[in-house]
């Protein structure tokens, strides 16, 4: 386990990589820079950027890496509790997955949707989950990242349930508004396609019933 120091410190954000969601904090009192990940930034306004003065709590992880927790811009309030907006987003995401699962069951059980659809969504979701996990580890280590286009493509072809679970579980990609917009757009397209196919199948099933 790592060790956290609860005293608030101040410093300046440096070497911030906005697309990758991480950077460093140079402490005002000197010493080694601390790693800062976007998920630990609680600012309600702008995103971190080079030269931003912040307060934080230092944390030494098991690998001996200094990290900054509960980071806010100087003058803003901070909290150890998760932001209410983040909790709300998590609830919406899990509800979307649960509702879609119910719709899939109804489609398969009563309206003729092939059962192998479960296998497709399940398999692609597992791949999506694994790539989000890999990208999360890469973001922390500062190594090669999974292209966002690849994550969006997986969501479009049915991996979005696994993507939602991974985002919430790993707290990954949850603060990137641009990524979230594209992600939910792929979710909407996939669900619309699923509903359209289900409607065609139901219509054919009803036609056969009426013909018999």
C-alpha atoms as a PDB file:
ATOM      1  CA  UNK A   1       0.000   0.000   0.000  1.00  0.00           C
ATOM      2  CA  UNK A   2       1.054   3.558  -0.596  1.00  0.00           C
ATOM      3  CA  UNK A   3       1.362   6.287   1.966  1.00  0.00           C
ATOM      4  CA  UNK A   4      -0.640   9.493   1.878  1.00  0.00           C
ATOM      5  CA  UNK A   5       0.262  12.730   3.614  1.00  0.00           C
ATOM      6  CA  UNK A   6      -2.928  14.621   4.490  1.00  0.00           C
ATOM      7  CA  UNK A   7      -1.294  18.069   4.772  1.00  0.00           C
ATOM      8  CA  UNK A   8      -2.164  20.254   1.813  1.00  0.00           C
ATOM      9  CA  UNK A   9       0.742  21.410  -0.335  1.00  0.00           C
ATOM     10  CA  UNK A  10       0.938  23.877  -3.190  1.00  0.00           C
ATOM     11  CA  UNK A  11       2.794  23.821  -6.480  1.00  0.00           C
ATOM     12  CA  UNK A  12       2.690  24.626 -10.172  1.00  0.00           C
ATOM     13  CA  UNK A  13       1.494  22.318 -12.958  1.00  0.00           C
ATOM     14  CA  UNK A  14       4.245  21.558 -15.455  1.00  0.00           C
ATOM     15  CA  UNK A  15       4.695  19.317 -18.523  1.00  0.00           C
ATOM     16  CA  UNK A  16       0.920  18.893 -18.850  1.00  0.00           C
ATOM     17  CA  UNK A  17      -0.206  16.620 -21.735  1.00  0.00           C
ATOM     18  CA  UNK A  18      -3.878  17.398 -22.185  1.00  0.00           C
ATOM     19  CA  UNK A  19      -4.593  14.724 -24.800  1.00  0.00           C
ATOM     20  CA  UNK A  20      -3.081  12.073 -22.547  1.00  0.00           C
ATOM     21  CA  UNK A  21      -4.581  13.492 -19.370  1.00  0.00           C
ATOM     22  CA  UNK A  22      -1.491  13.718 -17.198  1.00  0.00           C
ATOM     23  CA  UNK A  23       1.368  15.968 -16.206  1.00  0.00           C
ATOM     24  CA  UNK A  24       3.419  16.901 -13.158  1.00  0.00           C
ATOM     25  CA  UNK A  25       3.404  19.345 -10.258  1.00  0.00           C
ATOM     26  CA  UNK A  26       6.544  21.204  -9.205  1.00  0.00           C
ATOM     27  CA  UNK A  27       6.232  21.778  -5.418  1.00  0.00           C
ATOM     28  CA  UNK A  28       6.591  25.358  -4.218  1.00  0.00           C
ATOM     29  CA  UNK A  29       8.973  24.206  -1.506  1.00  0.00           C
ATOM     30  CA  UNK A  30      11.269  22.381  -3.906  1.00  0.00           C
ATOM     31  CA  UNK A  31      11.880  18.678  -4.244  1.00  0.00           C
ATOM     32  CA  UNK A  32      10.910  16.104  -6.885  1.00  0.00           C
ATOM     33  CA  UNK A  33       7.924  16.685  -9.167  1.00  0.00           C
ATOM     34  CA  UNK A  34       4.717  14.769  -8.453  1.00  0.00           C
ATOM     35  CA  UNK A  35       2.756  12.852 -11.076  1.00  0.00           C
ATOM     36  CA  UNK A  36      -0.699  14.348 -11.719  1.00  0.00           C
ATOM     37  CA  UNK A  37      -3.462  12.430 -13.497  1.00  0.00           C
ATOM     38  CA  UNK A  38      -6.607  14.150 -14.732  1.00  0.00           C
ATOM     39  CA  UNK A  39      -8.821  11.939 -12.554  1.00  0.00           C
ATOM     40  CA  UNK A  40      -7.303  13.541  -9.442  1.00  0.00           C
ATOM     41  CA  UNK A  41      -8.085  17.073 -10.593  1.00  0.00           C
ATOM     42  CA  UNK A  42     -11.257  18.356  -8.918  1.00  0.00           C
ATOM     43  CA  UNK A  43     -11.384  21.771 -10.550  1.00  0.00           C
ATOM     44  CA  UNK A  44     -14.899  22.769 -11.576  1.00  0.00           C
ATOM     45  CA  UNK A  45     -13.757  25.158 -14.281  1.00  0.00           C
ATOM     46  CA  UNK A  46     -10.831  24.868 -16.659  1.00  0.00           C
ATOM     47  CA  UNK A  47      -8.617  21.838 -17.116  1.00  0.00           C
ATOM     48  CA  UNK A  48      -5.044  21.760 -15.781  1.00  0.00           C
ATOM     49  CA  UNK A  49      -2.432  23.569 -17.836  1.00  0.00           C
ATOM     50  CA  UNK A  50       1.200  24.536 -17.530  1.00  0.00           C
ATOM     51  CA  UNK A  51       1.672  27.333 -15.018  1.00  0.00           C
ATOM     52  CA  UNK A  52      -1.552  26.667 -13.075  1.00  0.00           C
ATOM     53  CA  UNK A  53      -1.021  27.037  -9.320  1.00  0.00           C
ATOM     54  CA  UNK A  54      -2.694  24.217  -7.417  1.00  0.00           C
ATOM     55  CA  UNK A  55      -2.976  22.658  -3.988  1.00  0.00           C
ATOM     56  CA  UNK A  56      -2.806  18.914  -3.473  1.00  0.00           C
ATOM     57  CA  UNK A  57      -2.057  16.017  -1.129  1.00  0.00           C
ATOM     58  CA  UNK A  58       1.142  14.068  -1.891  1.00  0.00           C
ATOM     59  CA  UNK A  59       0.953  10.289  -2.122  1.00  0.00           C
ATOM     60  CA  UNK A  60       3.812   7.789  -2.321  1.00  0.00           C
ATOM     61  CA  UNK A  61       2.685   4.617  -4.097  1.00  0.00           C
ATOM     62  CA  UNK A  62       4.137   1.128  -3.797  1.00  0.00           C
ATOM     63  CA  UNK A  63       6.532   1.752  -6.688  1.00  0.00           C
ATOM     64  CA  UNK A  64       7.995   4.764  -4.881  1.00  0.00           C
ATOM     65  CA  UNK A  65       6.361   7.236  -7.284  1.00  0.00           C
ATOM     66  CA  UNK A  66       5.133  10.536  -5.850  1.00  0.00           C
ATOM     67  CA  UNK A  67       1.586  11.323  -6.985  1.00  0.00           C
ATOM     68  CA  UNK A  68      -0.737  14.253  -6.324  1.00  0.00           C
ATOM     69  CA  UNK A  69      -4.242  13.563  -4.991  1.00  0.00           C
ATOM     70  CA  UNK A  70      -7.339  15.790  -4.564  1.00  0.00           C
ATOM     71  CA  UNK A  71      -5.866  18.519  -6.731  1.00  0.00           C
ATOM     72  CA  UNK A  72      -7.614  21.889  -7.140  1.00  0.00           C
ATOM     73  CA  UNK A  73      -6.605  25.282  -8.406  1.00  0.00           C
ATOM     74  CA  UNK A  74      -5.568  27.657  -5.622  1.00  0.00           C
ATOM     75  CA  UNK A  75      -8.682  29.224  -4.107  1.00  0.00           C
ATOM     76  CA  UNK A  76     -11.062  26.357  -4.996  1.00  0.00           C
ATOM     77  CA  UNK A  77     -12.586  23.910  -2.515  1.00  0.00           C
ATOM     78  CA  UNK A  78     -11.533  20.289  -2.489  1.00  0.00           C
ATOM     79  CA  UNK A  79     -12.988  17.069  -1.108  1.00  0.00           C
ATOM     80  CA  UNK A  80     -12.004  13.474  -0.443  1.00  0.00           C
ATOM     81  CA  UNK A  81     -15.449  12.394  -1.658  1.00  0.00           C
ATOM     82  CA  UNK A  82     -16.109  11.700  -5.334  1.00  0.00           C
ATOM     83  CA  UNK A  83     -17.705  14.567  -7.205  1.00  0.00           C
ATOM     84  CA  UNK A  84     -21.500  14.393  -7.402  1.00  0.00           C
ATOM     85  CA  UNK A  85     -21.344  14.741 -11.173  1.00  0.00           C
ATOM     86  CA  UNK A  86     -19.061  11.725 -11.435  1.00  0.00           C
ATOM     87  CA  UNK A  87     -21.448   9.608  -9.372  1.00  0.00           C
ATOM     88  CA  UNK A  88     -24.363  10.743 -11.512  1.00  0.00           C
ATOM     89  CA  UNK A  89     -22.501   9.828 -14.691  1.00  0.00           C
ATOM     90  CA  UNK A  90     -21.678   6.398 -13.294  1.00  0.00           C
ATOM     91  CA  UNK A  91     -25.322   5.755 -12.420  1.00  0.00           C
ATOM     92  CA  UNK A  92     -26.476   6.814 -15.893  1.00  0.00           C
ATOM     93  CA  UNK A  93     -23.871   4.564 -17.498  1.00  0.00           C
ATOM     94  CA  UNK A  94     -24.800   1.489 -15.477  1.00  0.00           C
ATOM     95  CA  UNK A  95     -28.519   2.146 -16.045  1.00  0.00           C
ATOM     96  CA  UNK A  96     -27.895   2.321 -19.787  1.00  0.00           C
ATOM     97  CA  UNK A  97     -26.138  -1.058 -19.698  1.00  0.00           C
ATOM     98  CA  UNK A  98     -28.876  -2.615 -17.522  1.00  0.00           C
ATOM     99  CA  UNK A  99     -31.715  -1.303 -19.712  1.00  0.00           C
ATOM    100  CA  UNK A 100     -30.008  -2.487 -22.875  1.00  0.00           C
ATOM    101  CA  UNK A 101     -29.507  -5.940 -21.359  1.00  0.00           C
ATOM    102  CA  UNK A 102     -33.233  -6.140 -20.556  1.00  0.00           C
ATOM    103  CA  UNK A 103     -34.095  -5.112 -24.125  1.00  0.00           C
ATOM    104  CA  UNK A 104     -31.742  -7.765 -25.498  1.00  0.00           C
ATOM    105  CA  UNK A 105     -33.361 -10.465 -23.363  1.00  0.00           C
ATOM    106  CA  UNK A 106     -36.826  -9.434 -24.555  1.00  0.00           C
ATOM    107  CA  UNK A 107     -35.685  -9.375 -28.176  1.00  0.00           C
ATOM    108  CA  UNK A 108     -34.205 -12.877 -27.942  1.00  0.00           C
ATOM    109  CA  UNK A 109     -36.929 -14.468 -25.824  1.00  0.00           C
ATOM    110  CA  UNK A 110     -40.032 -13.039 -27.466  1.00  0.00           C
ATOM    111  CA  UNK A 111     -39.216 -11.344 -30.768  1.00  0.00           C
ATOM    112  CA  UNK A 112     -36.876 -13.655 -32.624  1.00  0.00           C
ATOM    113  CA  UNK A 113     -33.493 -11.957 -32.194  1.00  0.00           C
ATOM    114  CA  UNK A 114     -30.753 -14.606 -32.603  1.00  0.00           C
ATOM    115  CA  UNK A 115     -29.172 -15.645 -29.301  1.00  0.00           C
ATOM    116  CA  UNK A 116     -25.675 -15.268 -30.746  1.00  0.00           C
ATOM    117  CA  UNK A 117     -26.169 -11.504 -30.499  1.00  0.00           C
ATOM    118  CA  UNK A 118     -25.359 -11.919 -26.786  1.00  0.00           C
ATOM    119  CA  UNK A 119     -22.048 -13.539 -27.719  1.00  0.00           C
ATOM    120  CA  UNK A 120     -21.161 -10.669 -30.082  1.00  0.00           C
ATOM    121  CA  UNK A 121     -21.902  -7.943 -27.559  1.00  0.00           C
ATOM    122  CA  UNK A 122     -20.261  -9.908 -24.767  1.00  0.00           C
ATOM    123  CA  UNK A 123     -17.105 -10.677 -26.739  1.00  0.00           C
ATOM    124  CA  UNK A 124     -16.621  -7.154 -28.078  1.00  0.00           C
ATOM    125  CA  UNK A 125     -17.328  -5.717 -24.615  1.00  0.00           C
ATOM    126  CA  UNK A 126     -14.619  -7.912 -23.100  1.00  0.00           C
ATOM    127  CA  UNK A 127     -12.143  -6.689 -25.728  1.00  0.00           C
ATOM    128  CA  UNK A 128     -13.219  -3.103 -25.095  1.00  0.00           C
ATOM    129  CA  UNK A 129     -12.835  -3.537 -21.328  1.00  0.00           C
ATOM    130  CA  UNK A 130      -9.350  -4.978 -21.774  1.00  0.00           C
ATOM    131  CA  UNK A 131      -8.225  -2.107 -24.019  1.00  0.00           C
ATOM    132  CA  UNK A 132      -9.505   0.508 -21.576  1.00  0.00           C
ATOM    133  CA  UNK A 133      -7.546  -1.273 -18.839  1.00  0.00           C
ATOM    134  CA  UNK A 134      -4.442  -1.327 -21.043  1.00  0.00           C
ATOM    135  CA  UNK A 135      -4.866   2.362 -21.884  1.00  0.00           C
ATOM    136  CA  UNK A 136      -5.282   3.218 -18.211  1.00  0.00           C
ATOM    137  CA  UNK A 137      -2.021   1.470 -17.334  1.00  0.00           C
ATOM    138  CA  UNK A 138      -0.275   3.176 -20.240  1.00  0.00           C
ATOM    139  CA  UNK A 139      -1.548   6.592 -19.099  1.00  0.00           C
ATOM    140  CA  UNK A 140      -0.077   6.032 -15.642  1.00  0.00           C
ATOM    141  CA  UNK A 141       3.222   4.711 -16.990  1.00  0.00           C
ATOM    142  CA  UNK A 142       3.469   7.346 -19.728  1.00  0.00           C
ATOM    143  CA  UNK A 143       3.879   4.708 -22.455  1.00  0.00           C
ATOM    144  CA  UNK A 144       2.101   3.996 -25.760  1.00  0.00           C
ATOM    145  CA  UNK A 145      -1.648   4.669 -25.577  1.00  0.00           C
ATOM    146  CA  UNK A 146      -4.567   2.921 -27.243  1.00  0.00           C
ATOM    147  CA  UNK A 147      -5.869   5.262 -29.995  1.00  0.00           C
ATOM    148  CA  UNK A 148      -9.192   6.830 -29.069  1.00  0.00           C
ATOM    149  CA  UNK A 149     -10.517   6.012 -32.544  1.00  0.00           C
ATOM    150  CA  UNK A 150     -10.049   2.324 -31.748  1.00  0.00           C
ATOM    151  CA  UNK A 151     -12.035   2.637 -28.527  1.00  0.00           C
ATOM    152  CA  UNK A 152     -14.818   4.486 -30.353  1.00  0.00           C
ATOM    153  CA  UNK A 153     -14.906   1.851 -33.109  1.00  0.00           C
ATOM    154  CA  UNK A 154     -15.299  -0.896 -30.527  1.00  0.00           C
ATOM    155  CA  UNK A 155     -18.147   1.042 -28.937  1.00  0.00           C
ATOM    156  CA  UNK A 156     -19.825   1.443 -32.306  1.00  0.00           C
ATOM    157  CA  UNK A 157     -19.795  -2.299 -33.053  1.00  0.00           C
ATOM    158  CA  UNK A 158     -21.190  -3.278 -29.660  1.00  0.00           C
ATOM    159  CA  UNK A 159     -18.398  -2.940 -27.108  1.00  0.00           C
ATOM    160  CA  UNK A 160     -19.840   0.118 -25.392  1.00  0.00           C
ATOM    161  CA  UNK A 161     -21.245  -1.806 -22.369  1.00  0.00           C
ATOM    162  CA  UNK A 162     -17.724  -3.004 -21.567  1.00  0.00           C
ATOM    163  CA  UNK A 163     -16.460   0.516 -22.195  1.00  0.00           C
ATOM    164  CA  UNK A 164     -18.891   2.004 -19.690  1.00  0.00           C
ATOM    165  CA  UNK A 165     -17.957  -0.522 -17.019  1.00  0.00           C
ATOM    166  CA  UNK A 166     -14.235   0.062 -17.638  1.00  0.00           C
ATOM    167  CA  UNK A 167     -14.555   3.852 -17.584  1.00  0.00           C
ATOM    168  CA  UNK A 168     -16.331   3.773 -14.241  1.00  0.00           C
ATOM    169  CA  UNK A 169     -14.235   1.013 -12.682  1.00  0.00           C
ATOM    170  CA  UNK A 170     -10.869   2.473 -13.697  1.00  0.00           C
ATOM    171  CA  UNK A 171     -12.019   6.121 -13.563  1.00  0.00           C
ATOM    172  CA  UNK A 172     -10.626   6.464 -17.055  1.00  0.00           C
ATOM    173  CA  UNK A 173     -11.701   8.910 -19.797  1.00  0.00           C
ATOM    174  CA  UNK A 174     -14.449  10.207 -17.508  1.00  0.00           C
ATOM    175  CA  UNK A 175     -13.288  13.842 -17.531  1.00  0.00           C
ATOM    176  CA  UNK A 176     -12.545  14.221 -21.219  1.00  0.00           C
ATOM    177  CA  UNK A 177     -15.642  15.944 -22.565  1.00  0.00           C
ATOM    178  CA  UNK A 178     -14.667  15.520 -26.214  1.00  0.00           C
ATOM    179  CA  UNK A 179     -14.113  11.788 -25.765  1.00  0.00           C
ATOM    180  CA  UNK A 180     -17.415  11.444 -23.867  1.00  0.00           C
ATOM    181  CA  UNK A 181     -19.356  13.179 -26.653  1.00  0.00           C
ATOM    182  CA  UNK A 182     -17.972  10.861 -29.310  1.00  0.00           C
ATOM    183  CA  UNK A 183     -18.405   7.828 -27.055  1.00  0.00           C
ATOM    184  CA  UNK A 184     -22.098   8.464 -26.399  1.00  0.00           C
ATOM    185  CA  UNK A 185     -22.607   9.208 -30.080  1.00  0.00           C
ATOM    186  CA  UNK A 186     -21.300   5.720 -30.918  1.00  0.00           C
ATOM    187  CA  UNK A 187     -23.571   4.279 -28.213  1.00  0.00           C
ATOM    188  CA  UNK A 188     -26.597   6.017 -29.745  1.00  0.00           C
ATOM    189  CA  UNK A 189     -25.720   4.778 -33.252  1.00  0.00           C
ATOM    190  CA  UNK A 190     -25.251   1.211 -32.045  1.00  0.00           C
ATOM    191  CA  UNK A 191     -28.514   1.172 -30.085  1.00  0.00           C
ATOM    192  CA  UNK A 192     -30.422   2.684 -33.028  1.00  0.00           C
ATOM    193  CA  UNK A 193     -29.021  -0.003 -35.319  1.00  0.00           C
ATOM    194  CA  UNK A 194     -29.965  -2.705 -32.807  1.00  0.00           C
ATOM    195  CA  UNK A 195     -33.510  -1.348 -32.459  1.00  0.00           C
ATOM    196  CA  UNK A 196     -33.879  -1.085 -36.243  1.00  0.00           C
ATOM    197  CA  UNK A 197     -32.788  -4.693 -36.756  1.00  0.00           C
ATOM    198  CA  UNK A 198     -35.057  -5.811 -33.914  1.00  0.00           C
ATOM    199  CA  UNK A 199     -37.993  -3.961 -35.476  1.00  0.00           C
ATOM    200  CA  UNK A 200     -37.424  -5.660 -38.830  1.00  0.00           C
ATOM    201  CA  UNK A 201     -37.277  -9.059 -37.134  1.00  0.00           C
ATOM    202  CA  UNK A 202     -40.462  -8.368 -35.133  1.00  0.00           C
ATOM    203  CA  UNK A 203     -42.279  -7.138 -38.238  1.00  0.00           C
ATOM    204  CA  UNK A 204     -41.330 -10.302 -40.095  1.00  0.00           C
ATOM    205  CA  UNK A 205     -42.399 -12.404 -37.095  1.00  0.00           C
ATOM    206  CA  UNK A 206     -45.792 -10.633 -36.946  1.00  0.00           C
ATOM    207  CA  UNK A 207     -46.256 -11.007 -40.701  1.00  0.00           C
ATOM    208  CA  UNK A 208     -45.602 -14.729 -40.466  1.00  0.00           C
ATOM    209  CA  UNK A 209     -48.094 -15.027 -37.598  1.00  0.00           C
ATOM    210  CA  UNK A 210     -50.762 -13.176 -39.524  1.00  0.00           C
ATOM    211  CA  UNK A 211     -50.066 -15.224 -42.644  1.00  0.00           C
ATOM    212  CA  UNK A 212     -50.501 -18.463 -40.737  1.00  0.00           C
END
